[in-house]
Amino acid sequence: MDLGIAGRKAIVCASSRGLGRGCATALAAAGVEVVINGRDQDQLAQTAKDIEAQTGGTVIPVAADVSTSEGQEALLAACPAPDILVNNNGGPPFKDFRELDREAMLTGVTQNMVTPIELIQRVVDPMIERKFGRIVNITSASVKMPIVGLDLSSGARAGLTAFLAGVARDIAQHNVTINGILPGLFDTDRLRSGFPAMAKLQNKSVEEVVEMRKAGVPAQRFGNPEEFGNACAFLCSVHAGYITGQNLLLDGGLFNSSI
């Protein structure tokens, strides 16, 4: 399917690896000029080369912390008028809610709620003027199905979701959409980094933990970043102009619901 966005410009935050990289790759394959972002300059440069080699697209790496004002300025200097914004950022690590102090909570809310709102504030009016804009926020399935130990991440992302629900409907008349993608268990470095600690706690091998987690998903597997990226690219396409204010669960059926 031709997504109809060739020649458009996009910023994809936190995209040197994992789900963000999947989104950047899919958009580049659709002919979009993509600004990618990460804090590890070497990893980011390699990712840019890999995506360009794979897609033939134009990829501009910007090494920066998107949660800072300086990082946001660097992204917007590289792409002053994006047609597409994919908000993504790392979340707080597993921690008992009793151990969260004020500083940790403010940091988590800044990373996963305030930062994407700030970026949307900067790009949305030019999108409205051009009568085209696609904003996709990568949140988490924990917005609908809280995970003990990820309470701060879940709360901040749920706050972002609620904040933007009204905004999405207010700007829909201008062909500017805001949607969320809620990933479940995807085969990323972040997911696999937690397996050793989980294995130690449960007195199991890492391999046993991996199989146990897969078995809990109706699809009996982890998702892959490529299929996630393709779903994101569709929401950014000309075909998705009538989809806004929605939150798409990509979790292999893990969230058990009839609606």
C-alpha atoms as a PDB file:
ATOM      1  CA  MET A   1       0.000   0.000   0.000  1.00  0.00           C
ATOM      2  CA  ASP A   2       1.218   3.467  -0.877  1.00  0.00           C
ATOM      3  CA  LEU A   3       0.917   5.429   2.349  1.00  0.00           C
ATOM      4  CA  GLY A   4       0.834   8.735   0.491  1.00  0.00           C
ATOM      5  CA  ILE A   5       3.439  10.417   2.681  1.00  0.00           C
ATOM      6  CA  ALA A   6       6.527  10.327   0.454  1.00  0.00           C
ATOM      7  CA  GLY A   7       8.348  13.640   0.739  1.00  0.00           C
ATOM      8  CA  ARG A   8       6.960  14.394   4.187  1.00  0.00           C
ATOM      9  CA  LYS A   9       9.247  15.118   7.150  1.00  0.00           C
ATOM     10  CA  ALA A  10       9.167  13.341  10.501  1.00  0.00           C
ATOM     11  CA  ILE A  11      10.739  13.478  13.936  1.00  0.00           C
ATOM     12  CA  VAL A  12      10.892  10.124  15.712  1.00  0.00           C
ATOM     13  CA  CYS A  13      12.047  10.442  19.305  1.00  0.00           C
ATOM     14  CA  ALA A  14      14.164   7.794  21.053  1.00  0.00           C
ATOM     15  CA  SER A  15      14.659   5.899  17.808  1.00  0.00           C
ATOM     16  CA  SER A  16      18.213   4.573  17.841  1.00  0.00           C
ATOM     17  CA  ARG A  17      16.878   1.128  18.751  1.00  0.00           C
ATOM     18  CA  GLY A  18      13.755  -0.805  19.664  1.00  0.00           C
ATOM     19  CA  LEU A  19      10.254   0.375  18.841  1.00  0.00           C
ATOM     20  CA  GLY A  20      11.342   3.888  17.887  1.00  0.00           C
ATOM     21  CA  ARG A  21      13.782   2.464  15.373  1.00  0.00           C
ATOM     22  CA  GLY A  22      11.007   0.282  13.952  1.00  0.00           C
ATOM     23  CA  CYS A  23       8.865   3.391  13.408  1.00  0.00           C
ATOM     24  CA  ALA A  24      11.711   5.355  11.830  1.00  0.00           C
ATOM     25  CA  THR A  25      12.509   2.491   9.467  1.00  0.00           C
ATOM     26  CA  ALA A  26       8.901   2.100   8.319  1.00  0.00           C
ATOM     27  CA  LEU A  27       8.533   5.829   7.717  1.00  0.00           C
ATOM     28  CA  ALA A  28      11.807   6.011   5.779  1.00  0.00           C
ATOM     29  CA  ALA A  29      10.635   3.081   3.653  1.00  0.00           C
ATOM     30  CA  ALA A  30       7.488   5.098   2.867  1.00  0.00           C
ATOM     31  CA  GLY A  31       9.622   7.936   1.492  1.00  0.00           C
ATOM     32  CA  VAL A  32       9.593  10.176   4.557  1.00  0.00           C
ATOM     33  CA  GLU A  33      12.676  12.178   5.536  1.00  0.00           C
ATOM     34  CA  VAL A  34      13.247  11.102   9.112  1.00  0.00           C
ATOM     35  CA  VAL A  35      15.070  12.746  12.004  1.00  0.00           C
ATOM     36  CA  ILE A  36      16.044  10.056  14.503  1.00  0.00           C
ATOM     37  CA  ASN A  37      17.101  10.635  18.072  1.00  0.00           C
ATOM     38  CA  GLY A  38      19.004   9.021  20.905  1.00  0.00           C
ATOM     39  CA  ARG A  39      21.606   9.770  23.549  1.00  0.00           C
ATOM     40  CA  ASP A  40      24.266   7.294  22.411  1.00  0.00           C
ATOM     41  CA  GLN A  41      25.905   9.091  19.495  1.00  0.00           C
ATOM     42  CA  ASP A  42      27.702   6.029  18.105  1.00  0.00           C
ATOM     43  CA  GLN A  43      24.589   3.847  18.249  1.00  0.00           C
ATOM     44  CA  LEU A  44      22.539   6.626  16.673  1.00  0.00           C
ATOM     45  CA  ALA A  45      24.985   7.103  13.800  1.00  0.00           C
ATOM     46  CA  GLN A  46      25.012   3.374  13.097  1.00  0.00           C
ATOM     47  CA  THR A  47      21.218   3.227  13.153  1.00  0.00           C
ATOM     48  CA  ALA A  48      21.025   6.090  10.647  1.00  0.00           C
ATOM     49  CA  LYS A  49      23.403   4.249   8.303  1.00  0.00           C
ATOM     50  CA  ASP A  50      21.480   0.997   8.680  1.00  0.00           C
ATOM     51  CA  ILE A  51      18.089   2.576   7.954  1.00  0.00           C
ATOM     52  CA  GLU A  52      19.423   4.459   4.935  1.00  0.00           C
ATOM     53  CA  ALA A  53      20.986   1.267   3.573  1.00  0.00           C
ATOM     54  CA  GLN A  54      17.782  -0.683   4.135  1.00  0.00           C
ATOM     55  CA  THR A  55      15.317   1.868   2.771  1.00  0.00           C
ATOM     56  CA  GLY A  56      17.269   4.256   0.566  1.00  0.00           C
ATOM     57  CA  GLY A  57      15.693   7.086   2.537  1.00  0.00           C
ATOM     58  CA  THR A  58      17.152  10.201   4.128  1.00  0.00           C
ATOM     59  CA  VAL A  59      17.840   9.836   7.840  1.00  0.00           C
ATOM     60  CA  ILE A  60      19.201  12.662  10.008  1.00  0.00           C
ATOM     61  CA  PRO A  61      20.607  11.652  13.415  1.00  0.00           C
ATOM     62  CA  VAL A  62      20.315  14.082  16.335  1.00  0.00           C
ATOM     63  CA  ALA A  63      22.063  13.008  19.538  1.00  0.00           C
ATOM     64  CA  ALA A  64      20.124  14.596  22.400  1.00  0.00           C
ATOM     65  CA  ASP A  65      18.017  13.946  25.485  1.00  0.00           C
ATOM     66  CA  VAL A  66      14.514  14.725  24.282  1.00  0.00           C
ATOM     67  CA  SER A  67      13.365  15.409  27.849  1.00  0.00           C
ATOM     68  CA  THR A  68      15.496  18.544  28.018  1.00  0.00           C
ATOM     69  CA  SER A  69      14.813  21.923  26.434  1.00  0.00           C
ATOM     70  CA  GLU A  70      18.194  21.717  24.714  1.00  0.00           C
ATOM     71  CA  GLY A  71      17.350  18.330  23.249  1.00  0.00           C
ATOM     72  CA  GLN A  72      14.023  19.528  21.913  1.00  0.00           C
ATOM     73  CA  GLU A  73      15.653  22.586  20.356  1.00  0.00           C
ATOM     74  CA  ALA A  74      18.188  20.346  18.626  1.00  0.00           C
ATOM     75  CA  LEU A  75      15.440  18.178  17.136  1.00  0.00           C
ATOM     76  CA  LEU A  76      13.454  21.163  15.903  1.00  0.00           C
ATOM     77  CA  ALA A  77      16.580  22.782  14.481  1.00  0.00           C
ATOM     78  CA  ALA A  78      17.085  19.642  12.366  1.00  0.00           C
ATOM     79  CA  CYS A  79      13.408  19.570  11.355  1.00  0.00           C
ATOM     80  CA  PRO A  80      11.698  22.915  12.006  1.00  0.00           C
ATOM     81  CA  ALA A  81       8.348  21.980  10.445  1.00  0.00           C
ATOM     82  CA  PRO A  82       7.667  18.244  10.825  1.00  0.00           C
ATOM     83  CA  ASP A  83       4.579  16.769   9.219  1.00  0.00           C
ATOM     84  CA  ILE A  84       4.860  13.754  11.511  1.00  0.00           C
ATOM     85  CA  LEU A  85       5.864  13.523  15.171  1.00  0.00           C
ATOM     86  CA  VAL A  86       6.359  10.197  16.912  1.00  0.00           C
ATOM     87  CA  ASN A  87       6.756  10.709  20.645  1.00  0.00           C
ATOM     88  CA  ASN A  88       8.745   8.050  22.436  1.00  0.00           C
ATOM     89  CA  ASN A  89      10.937   8.017  25.516  1.00  0.00           C
ATOM     90  CA  GLY A  90      12.363   5.587  28.007  1.00  0.00           C
ATOM     91  CA  GLY A  91      10.323   4.997  31.114  1.00  0.00           C
ATOM     92  CA  PRO A  92      11.198   4.671  34.792  1.00  0.00           C
ATOM     93  CA  PRO A  93      12.645   1.292  35.848  1.00  0.00           C
ATOM     94  CA  PHE A  94      10.777  -1.297  37.928  1.00  0.00           C
ATOM     95  CA  LYS A  95      10.477  -0.048  41.509  1.00  0.00           C
ATOM     96  CA  ASP A  96       8.109  -0.500  44.428  1.00  0.00           C
ATOM     97  CA  PHE A  97       5.919   2.589  44.642  1.00  0.00           C
ATOM     98  CA  ARG A  98       6.931   3.021  48.291  1.00  0.00           C
ATOM     99  CA  GLU A  99      10.489   3.719  47.189  1.00  0.00           C
ATOM    100  CA  LEU A 100       9.589   6.558  44.820  1.00  0.00           C
ATOM    101  CA  ASP A 101      10.535   9.956  46.176  1.00  0.00           C
ATOM    102  CA  ARG A 102       9.315  13.293  44.819  1.00  0.00           C
ATOM    103  CA  GLU A 103      12.319  13.750  42.522  1.00  0.00           C
ATOM    104  CA  ALA A 104      11.838  10.327  40.927  1.00  0.00           C
ATOM    105  CA  MET A 105       8.127  10.957  40.391  1.00  0.00           C
ATOM    106  CA  LEU A 106       8.704  14.361  38.815  1.00  0.00           C
ATOM    107  CA  THR A 107      11.367  12.895  36.528  1.00  0.00           C
ATOM    108  CA  GLY A 108       9.033  10.104  35.398  1.00  0.00           C
ATOM    109  CA  VAL A 109       6.171  12.504  34.707  1.00  0.00           C
ATOM    110  CA  THR A 110       8.524  14.809  32.805  1.00  0.00           C
ATOM    111  CA  GLN A 111       9.823  11.978  30.634  1.00  0.00           C
ATOM    112  CA  ASN A 112       6.545  10.302  29.789  1.00  0.00           C
ATOM    113  CA  MET A 113       3.930  13.069  29.979  1.00  0.00           C
ATOM    114  CA  VAL A 114       5.373  16.585  29.928  1.00  0.00           C
ATOM    115  CA  THR A 115       7.987  16.011  27.191  1.00  0.00           C
ATOM    116  CA  PRO A 116       5.574  14.783  24.489  1.00  0.00           C
ATOM    117  CA  ILE A 117       3.121  17.556  25.342  1.00  0.00           C
ATOM    118  CA  GLU A 118       5.870  20.157  24.985  1.00  0.00           C
ATOM    119  CA  LEU A 119       6.840  18.830  21.566  1.00  0.00           C
ATOM    120  CA  ILE A 120       3.224  18.758  20.417  1.00  0.00           C
ATOM    121  CA  GLN A 121       2.815  22.372  21.530  1.00  0.00           C
ATOM    122  CA  ARG A 122       5.763  23.316  19.319  1.00  0.00           C
ATOM    123  CA  VAL A 123       4.670  21.540  16.130  1.00  0.00           C
ATOM    124  CA  VAL A 124       0.882  21.455  16.105  1.00  0.00           C
ATOM    125  CA  ASP A 125       0.021  24.975  14.883  1.00  0.00           C
ATOM    126  CA  PRO A 126       2.229  24.738  11.758  1.00  0.00           C
ATOM    127  CA  MET A 127       0.593  21.363  11.059  1.00  0.00           C
ATOM    128  CA  ILE A 128      -2.821  23.021  11.335  1.00  0.00           C
ATOM    129  CA  GLU A 129      -1.749  25.766   8.933  1.00  0.00           C
ATOM    130  CA  ARG A 130      -0.565  23.176   6.381  1.00  0.00           C
ATOM    131  CA  LYS A 131      -3.740  21.094   6.868  1.00  0.00           C
ATOM    132  CA  PHE A 132      -1.742  17.938   7.506  1.00  0.00           C
ATOM    133  CA  GLY A 133      -0.241  16.473  10.640  1.00  0.00           C
ATOM    134  CA  ARG A 134       0.173  13.074  12.208  1.00  0.00           C
ATOM    135  CA  ILE A 135       1.170  12.698  15.862  1.00  0.00           C
ATOM    136  CA  VAL A 136       1.675   9.247  17.357  1.00  0.00           C
ATOM    137  CA  ASN A 137       2.519   8.709  21.007  1.00  0.00           C
ATOM    138  CA  ILE A 138       4.157   5.435  22.009  1.00  0.00           C
ATOM    139  CA  THR A 139       2.863   4.695  25.493  1.00  0.00           C
ATOM    140  CA  SER A 140       2.309   1.219  26.961  1.00  0.00           C
ATOM    141  CA  ALA A 141      -0.274  -1.501  27.399  1.00  0.00           C
ATOM    142  CA  SER A 142       0.118  -0.739  31.120  1.00  0.00           C
ATOM    143  CA  VAL A 143      -2.144   2.282  30.532  1.00  0.00           C
ATOM    144  CA  LYS A 144      -4.998  -0.222  30.295  1.00  0.00           C
ATOM    145  CA  MET A 145      -3.475  -3.082  32.299  1.00  0.00           C
ATOM    146  CA  PRO A 146      -1.296  -1.718  35.136  1.00  0.00           C
ATOM    147  CA  ILE A 147       1.879  -3.605  35.971  1.00  0.00           C
ATOM    148  CA  VAL A 148       3.016  -3.680  39.591  1.00  0.00           C
ATOM    149  CA  GLY A 149       6.404  -1.983  39.816  1.00  0.00           C
ATOM    150  CA  LEU A 150       5.757   0.187  36.768  1.00  0.00           C
ATOM    151  CA  ASP A 151       3.233   2.393  38.549  1.00  0.00           C
ATOM    152  CA  LEU A 152       5.059   5.630  37.757  1.00  0.00           C
ATOM    153  CA  SER A 153       5.399   4.788  34.073  1.00  0.00           C
ATOM    154  CA  SER A 154       1.763   3.694  33.883  1.00  0.00           C
ATOM    155  CA  GLY A 155       0.525   6.812  35.664  1.00  0.00           C
ATOM    156  CA  ALA A 156       2.524   9.259  33.554  1.00  0.00           C
ATOM    157  CA  ARG A 157       1.510   7.608  30.282  1.00  0.00           C
ATOM    158  CA  ALA A 158      -2.135   7.433  31.359  1.00  0.00           C
ATOM    159  CA  GLY A 159      -1.927  11.141  32.173  1.00  0.00           C
ATOM    160  CA  LEU A 160      -0.604  11.862  28.684  1.00  0.00           C
ATOM    161  CA  THR A 161      -3.414   9.807  27.155  1.00  0.00           C
ATOM    162  CA  ALA A 162      -6.107  11.684  29.088  1.00  0.00           C
ATOM    163  CA  PHE A 163      -4.512  15.097  28.441  1.00  0.00           C
ATOM    164  CA  LEU A 164      -4.481  14.585  24.673  1.00  0.00           C
ATOM    165  CA  ALA A 165      -7.956  13.052  24.345  1.00  0.00           C
ATOM    166  CA  GLY A 166      -9.616  16.449  24.149  1.00  0.00           C
ATOM    167  CA  VAL A 167      -6.771  18.037  22.173  1.00  0.00           C
ATOM    168  CA  ALA A 168      -7.086  15.373  19.458  1.00  0.00           C
ATOM    169  CA  ARG A 169     -10.738  16.160  18.944  1.00  0.00           C
ATOM    170  CA  ASP A 170     -10.218  19.905  19.009  1.00  0.00           C
ATOM    171  CA  ILE A 171      -7.769  19.836  16.083  1.00  0.00           C
ATOM    172  CA  ALA A 172      -9.277  16.978  14.043  1.00  0.00           C
ATOM    173  CA  GLN A 173     -11.036  19.398  11.684  1.00  0.00           C
ATOM    174  CA  HIS A 174      -7.627  20.496  10.353  1.00  0.00           C
ATOM    175  CA  ASN A 175      -6.526  17.013   9.204  1.00  0.00           C
ATOM    176  CA  VAL A 176      -4.182  16.775  12.168  1.00  0.00           C
ATOM    177  CA  THR A 177      -4.516  13.567  14.161  1.00  0.00           C
ATOM    178  CA  ILE A 178      -3.205  12.422  17.526  1.00  0.00           C
ATOM    179  CA  ASN A 179      -3.212   8.731  18.370  1.00  0.00           C
ATOM    180  CA  GLY A 180      -1.432   6.414  20.758  1.00  0.00           C
ATOM    181  CA  ILE A 181       0.096   2.987  20.316  1.00  0.00           C
ATOM    182  CA  LEU A 182       0.139   0.813  23.413  1.00  0.00           C
ATOM    183  CA  PRO A 183       2.782  -1.905  23.068  1.00  0.00           C
ATOM    184  CA  GLY A 184       2.686  -5.125  25.020  1.00  0.00           C
ATOM    185  CA  LEU A 185       5.660  -7.490  25.084  1.00  0.00           C
ATOM    186  CA  PHE A 186       7.970  -6.659  22.187  1.00  0.00           C
ATOM    187  CA  ASP A 187      11.343  -8.245  21.549  1.00  0.00           C
ATOM    188  CA  THR A 188      13.520  -5.262  22.429  1.00  0.00           C
ATOM    189  CA  ASP A 189      16.626  -4.655  24.515  1.00  0.00           C
ATOM    190  CA  ARG A 190      14.440  -3.100  27.214  1.00  0.00           C
ATOM    191  CA  LEU A 191      12.271  -6.201  27.521  1.00  0.00           C
ATOM    192  CA  ARG A 192      15.191  -8.622  27.564  1.00  0.00           C
ATOM    193  CA  SER A 193      17.169  -6.541  30.053  1.00  0.00           C
ATOM    194  CA  GLY A 194      14.652  -7.446  32.745  1.00  0.00           C
ATOM    195  CA  PHE A 195      14.822 -11.203  32.270  1.00  0.00           C
ATOM    196  CA  PRO A 196      17.982 -11.915  34.339  1.00  0.00           C
ATOM    197  CA  ALA A 197      16.606 -10.151  37.422  1.00  0.00           C
ATOM    198  CA  MET A 198      13.254 -11.895  37.008  1.00  0.00           C
ATOM    199  CA  ALA A 199      14.997 -15.247  36.639  1.00  0.00           C
ATOM    200  CA  LYS A 200      16.962 -14.657  39.837  1.00  0.00           C
ATOM    201  CA  LEU A 201      13.854 -13.695  41.794  1.00  0.00           C
ATOM    202  CA  GLN A 202      11.943 -16.760  40.595  1.00  0.00           C
ATOM    203  CA  ASN A 203      14.901 -19.142  40.802  1.00  0.00           C
ATOM    204  CA  LYS A 204      14.533 -20.007  37.131  1.00  0.00           C
ATOM    205  CA  SER A 205      16.802 -19.847  34.113  1.00  0.00           C
ATOM    206  CA  VAL A 206      16.536 -16.900  31.744  1.00  0.00           C
ATOM    207  CA  GLU A 207      15.310 -19.281  29.059  1.00  0.00           C
ATOM    208  CA  GLU A 208      12.514 -20.503  31.342  1.00  0.00           C
ATOM    209  CA  VAL A 209      11.457 -16.934  32.086  1.00  0.00           C
ATOM    210  CA  VAL A 210      11.371 -16.077  28.374  1.00  0.00           C
ATOM    211  CA  GLU A 211       9.172 -19.065  27.578  1.00  0.00           C
ATOM    212  CA  MET A 212       6.918 -18.312  30.536  1.00  0.00           C
ATOM    213  CA  ARG A 213       6.380 -14.742  29.375  1.00  0.00           C
ATOM    214  CA  LYS A 214       5.641 -15.878  25.820  1.00  0.00           C
ATOM    215  CA  ALA A 215       3.183 -18.474  27.079  1.00  0.00           C
ATOM    216  CA  GLY A 216       1.198 -15.725  28.799  1.00  0.00           C
ATOM    217  CA  VAL A 217       0.501 -14.029  25.461  1.00  0.00           C
ATOM    218  CA  PRO A 218      -2.370 -15.482  23.395  1.00  0.00           C
ATOM    219  CA  ALA A 219      -0.254 -15.064  20.243  1.00  0.00           C
ATOM    220  CA  GLN A 220       2.408 -17.214  21.969  1.00  0.00           C
ATOM    221  CA  ARG A 221       5.239 -14.897  20.961  1.00  0.00           C
ATOM    222  CA  PHE A 222       6.750 -11.490  21.497  1.00  0.00           C
ATOM    223  CA  GLY A 223       6.016  -8.756  18.998  1.00  0.00           C
ATOM    224  CA  ASN A 224       8.778  -7.494  16.734  1.00  0.00           C
ATOM    225  CA  PRO A 225       9.715  -3.839  16.180  1.00  0.00           C
ATOM    226  CA  GLU A 226       9.124  -4.114  12.428  1.00  0.00           C
ATOM    227  CA  GLU A 227       5.422  -4.886  12.756  1.00  0.00           C
ATOM    228  CA  PHE A 228       5.109  -2.162  15.363  1.00  0.00           C
ATOM    229  CA  GLY A 229       6.758   0.308  12.998  1.00  0.00           C
ATOM    230  CA  ASN A 230       4.408  -0.616  10.161  1.00  0.00           C
ATOM    231  CA  ALA A 231       1.374   0.031  12.373  1.00  0.00           C
ATOM    232  CA  CYS A 232       2.835   3.410  13.315  1.00  0.00           C
ATOM    233  CA  ALA A 233       3.488   4.278   9.669  1.00  0.00           C
ATOM    234  CA  PHE A 234      -0.131   3.500   8.787  1.00  0.00           C
ATOM    235  CA  LEU A 235      -1.380   5.876  11.488  1.00  0.00           C
ATOM    236  CA  CYS A 236       0.877   8.503   9.910  1.00  0.00           C
ATOM    237  CA  SER A 237      -0.484   7.875   6.422  1.00  0.00           C
ATOM    238  CA  VAL A 238      -3.058   9.737   4.348  1.00  0.00           C
ATOM    239  CA  HIS A 239      -5.378   6.760   4.851  1.00  0.00           C
ATOM    240  CA  ALA A 240      -5.638   7.335   8.618  1.00  0.00           C
ATOM    241  CA  GLY A 241      -7.052  10.851   8.560  1.00  0.00           C
ATOM    242  CA  TYR A 242     -10.333   9.667  10.104  1.00  0.00           C
ATOM    243  CA  ILE A 243      -8.605   7.956  13.022  1.00  0.00           C
ATOM    244  CA  THR A 244      -7.871  10.276  15.935  1.00  0.00           C
ATOM    245  CA  GLY A 245      -7.971  10.205  19.713  1.00  0.00           C
ATOM    246  CA  GLN A 246      -7.556   6.433  19.610  1.00  0.00           C
ATOM    247  CA  ASN A 247      -5.224   4.108  21.492  1.00  0.00           C
ATOM    248  CA  LEU A 248      -4.188   1.036  19.536  1.00  0.00           C
ATOM    249  CA  LEU A 249      -3.211  -1.982  21.611  1.00  0.00           C
ATOM    250  CA  LEU A 250      -0.463  -4.055  20.005  1.00  0.00           C
ATOM    251  CA  ASP A 251      -0.101  -6.852  22.516  1.00  0.00           C
ATOM    252  CA  GLY A 252      -0.896 -10.178  20.858  1.00  0.00           C
ATOM    253  CA  GLY A 253      -4.190 -10.345  22.746  1.00  0.00           C
ATOM    254  CA  LEU A 254      -2.611 -10.004  26.197  1.00  0.00           C
ATOM    255  CA  PHE A 255      -5.184  -7.503  27.458  1.00  0.00           C
ATOM    256  CA  ASN A 256      -8.277  -9.617  27.995  1.00  0.00           C
ATOM    257  CA  SER A 257     -11.275  -7.529  26.973  1.00  0.00           C
ATOM    258  CA  SER A 258     -14.336  -7.710  24.750  1.00  0.00           C
ATOM    259  CA  ILE A 259     -14.060  -4.045  23.672  1.00  0.00           C
END
